Amino acid sequence: MSYSVELRLKAISAYEKGLGSQKKIASMFQIGLSTFKRWVKKKKNGKSLTPSTVGLGRPKKITAQGVATIKAWVEKNPSITLSELSRAYYKQHKVRVSLSMLCRELKSLNLRYKKLSIQSEEKLSEKNKKKEKRTC
């Protein structure tokens, strides 16, 4: 949980005004003593009291452009496997992506990643052929 800068400043201000010990101020503002001590130390050293952004994790390997590409491939060929997607992604974007990365991306796009049965694939290709004949 991240505390607001306003709360941090209020707590430190109360401590600097002598309204109580660090322990008393921490309990008054319902924050941990170690947390309050860290804020006081930051203020004393002239550092910013804004919450740190540590812990955001590693940036995604699959870019927004890559997501659009993956979506197009799956819509064009619904029976494409994760392995085939991974190889195709590497060929086009020169970035290796794991099967689990692709699986998470497909899930976030609400696309199915389960391979279609042969019968379903045949039905789908027949429908597409009929559509192509109508549009010509």
Protein backbone atom coordinates (compact mmCIF):
# COMPACT_ATOMS: atom_id res chain seq x y z
CA MET A 1 0.00 0.00 0.00
CA SER A 2 1.27 3.44 -0.88
CA TYR A 3 0.63 6.39 1.40
CA SER A 4 -0.06 9.82 -0.10
CA VAL A 5 2.60 12.52 -0.02
CA GLU A 6 0.14 14.71 1.89
CA LEU A 7 -0.11 12.16 4.74
CA ARG A 8 3.68 11.78 4.81
CA LEU A 9 4.15 15.54 5.12
CA LYS A 10 1.47 15.85 7.83
CA ALA A 11 3.08 13.09 9.90
CA ILE A 12 6.58 14.56 9.58
CA SER A 13 5.26 18.04 10.32
CA ALA A 14 3.60 16.78 13.51
CA TYR A 15 6.88 15.15 14.57
CA GLU A 16 8.90 18.29 13.82
CA LYS A 17 6.42 20.40 15.86
CA GLY A 18 7.14 18.14 18.84
CA LEU A 19 3.64 16.66 19.13
CA GLY A 20 5.10 13.33 20.21
CA SER A 21 7.75 10.70 19.72
CA GLN A 22 8.17 8.84 16.44
CA LYS A 23 6.29 5.90 17.93
CA LYS A 24 3.39 8.11 19.08
CA ILE A 25 3.17 9.97 15.73
CA ALA A 26 3.24 6.65 13.82
CA SER A 27 0.37 5.27 15.89
CA MET A 28 -1.53 8.57 15.65
CA PHE A 29 -1.45 8.40 11.82
CA GLN A 30 -1.90 4.61 11.82
CA ILE A 31 1.33 3.85 10.00
CA GLY A 32 4.16 1.51 10.87
CA LEU A 33 7.00 2.83 12.97
CA SER A 34 9.64 1.63 10.50
CA THR A 35 7.77 3.33 7.68
CA PHE A 36 7.63 6.59 9.59
CA LYS A 37 11.32 6.38 10.47
CA ARG A 38 12.13 5.87 6.79
CA TRP A 39 10.11 9.00 5.87
CA VAL A 40 11.88 11.07 8.54
CA LYS A 41 15.27 9.86 7.28
CA LYS A 42 14.34 10.74 3.67
CA LYS A 43 13.21 14.22 4.71
CA LYS A 44 16.38 14.72 6.77
CA ASN A 45 18.57 13.73 3.80
CA GLY A 46 16.63 16.02 1.45
CA LYS A 47 15.14 13.21 -0.61
CA SER A 48 11.69 13.23 -2.15
CA LEU A 49 8.80 11.80 -0.14
CA THR A 50 6.91 10.59 -3.21
CA PRO A 51 6.20 6.86 -3.28
CA SER A 52 8.86 4.87 -5.10
CA THR A 53 8.09 3.00 -8.30
CA VAL A 54 10.17 -0.04 -7.36
CA GLY A 55 8.49 -3.34 -8.01
CA LEU A 56 6.79 -2.58 -11.31
CA GLY A 57 8.50 -5.57 -12.84
CA ARG A 58 10.13 -6.13 -16.15
CA PRO A 59 8.74 -4.37 -19.23
CA LYS A 60 6.81 -6.54 -21.68
CA LYS A 61 8.67 -8.03 -24.62
CA ILE A 62 5.51 -8.00 -26.72
CA THR A 63 4.91 -4.44 -27.91
CA ALA A 64 1.56 -2.90 -28.86
CA GLN A 65 2.45 -3.47 -32.51
CA GLY A 66 3.25 -7.09 -31.67
CA VAL A 67 -0.12 -7.53 -29.97
CA ALA A 68 -1.87 -6.29 -33.10
CA THR A 69 0.17 -8.71 -35.21
CA ILE A 70 -0.65 -11.66 -32.94
CA LYS A 71 -4.33 -10.78 -32.98
CA ALA A 72 -4.33 -10.67 -36.79
CA TRP A 73 -2.55 -14.01 -37.05
CA VAL A 74 -4.98 -15.74 -34.69
CA GLU A 75 -8.02 -14.26 -36.41
CA LYS A 76 -6.65 -15.34 -39.80
CA ASN A 77 -5.72 -18.82 -38.61
CA PRO A 78 -7.61 -19.79 -35.41
CA SER A 79 -5.91 -23.18 -35.22
CA ILE A 80 -2.39 -21.75 -35.01
CA THR A 81 -0.43 -23.20 -32.10
CA LEU A 82 1.55 -21.26 -29.52
CA SER A 83 4.78 -22.70 -30.92
CA GLU A 84 3.88 -21.52 -34.42
CA LEU A 85 2.99 -18.09 -33.04
CA SER A 86 6.31 -17.90 -31.21
CA ARG A 87 8.29 -18.73 -34.35
CA ALA A 88 6.28 -16.30 -36.48
CA TYR A 89 6.72 -13.54 -33.90
CA TYR A 90 10.47 -14.07 -33.90
CA LYS A 91 10.63 -13.97 -37.70
CA GLN A 92 8.75 -10.69 -37.89
CA HIS A 93 9.88 -8.84 -34.74
CA LYS A 94 13.27 -10.48 -34.02
CA VAL A 95 12.26 -10.98 -30.38
CA ARG A 96 12.00 -14.39 -28.75
CA VAL A 97 8.81 -14.81 -26.74
CA SER A 98 7.93 -17.79 -24.59
CA LEU A 99 4.77 -19.81 -24.92
CA SER A 100 3.58 -18.56 -21.53
CA MET A 101 3.99 -14.93 -22.68
CA LEU A 102 1.89 -15.64 -25.74
CA CYS A 103 -0.68 -17.50 -23.68
CA ARG A 104 -1.06 -14.53 -21.30
CA GLU A 105 -1.31 -12.11 -24.22
CA LEU A 106 -4.00 -14.18 -25.94
CA LYS A 107 -5.90 -14.42 -22.67
CA SER A 108 -5.78 -10.62 -22.24
CA LEU A 109 -7.15 -10.26 -25.79
CA ASN A 110 -9.93 -12.78 -25.03
CA LEU A 111 -8.77 -14.92 -27.93
CA ARG A 112 -8.88 -18.66 -27.80
CA TYR A 113 -5.54 -20.41 -27.93
CA LYS A 114 -6.93 -23.90 -27.99
CA LYS A 115 -6.36 -25.58 -31.31
CA LEU A 116 -9.52 -26.30 -33.28
CA SER A 117 -10.46 -29.86 -34.12
CA ILE A 118 -10.03 -30.96 -37.72
CA GLN A 119 -13.80 -30.95 -38.28
CA SER A 120 -14.17 -27.43 -36.90
CA GLU A 121 -11.27 -26.20 -38.98
CA GLU A 122 -12.79 -27.73 -42.12
CA LYS A 123 -16.16 -26.12 -41.39
CA LEU A 124 -14.47 -22.78 -40.81
CA SER A 125 -12.51 -23.03 -44.06
CA GLU A 126 -15.70 -23.99 -45.95
CA LYS A 127 -17.49 -20.92 -44.58
CA ASN A 128 -14.56 -18.72 -45.61
CA LYS A 129 -14.59 -20.22 -49.12
CA LYS A 130 -18.31 -19.51 -49.42
CA LYS A 131 -17.73 -15.90 -48.30
CA GLU A 132 -14.94 -15.51 -50.84
CA LYS A 133 -17.21 -16.79 -53.61
CA ARG A 134 -19.93 -14.31 -52.65
CA THR A 135 -17.60 -11.34 -52.61
CA CYS A 136 -16.08 -12.03 -56.04
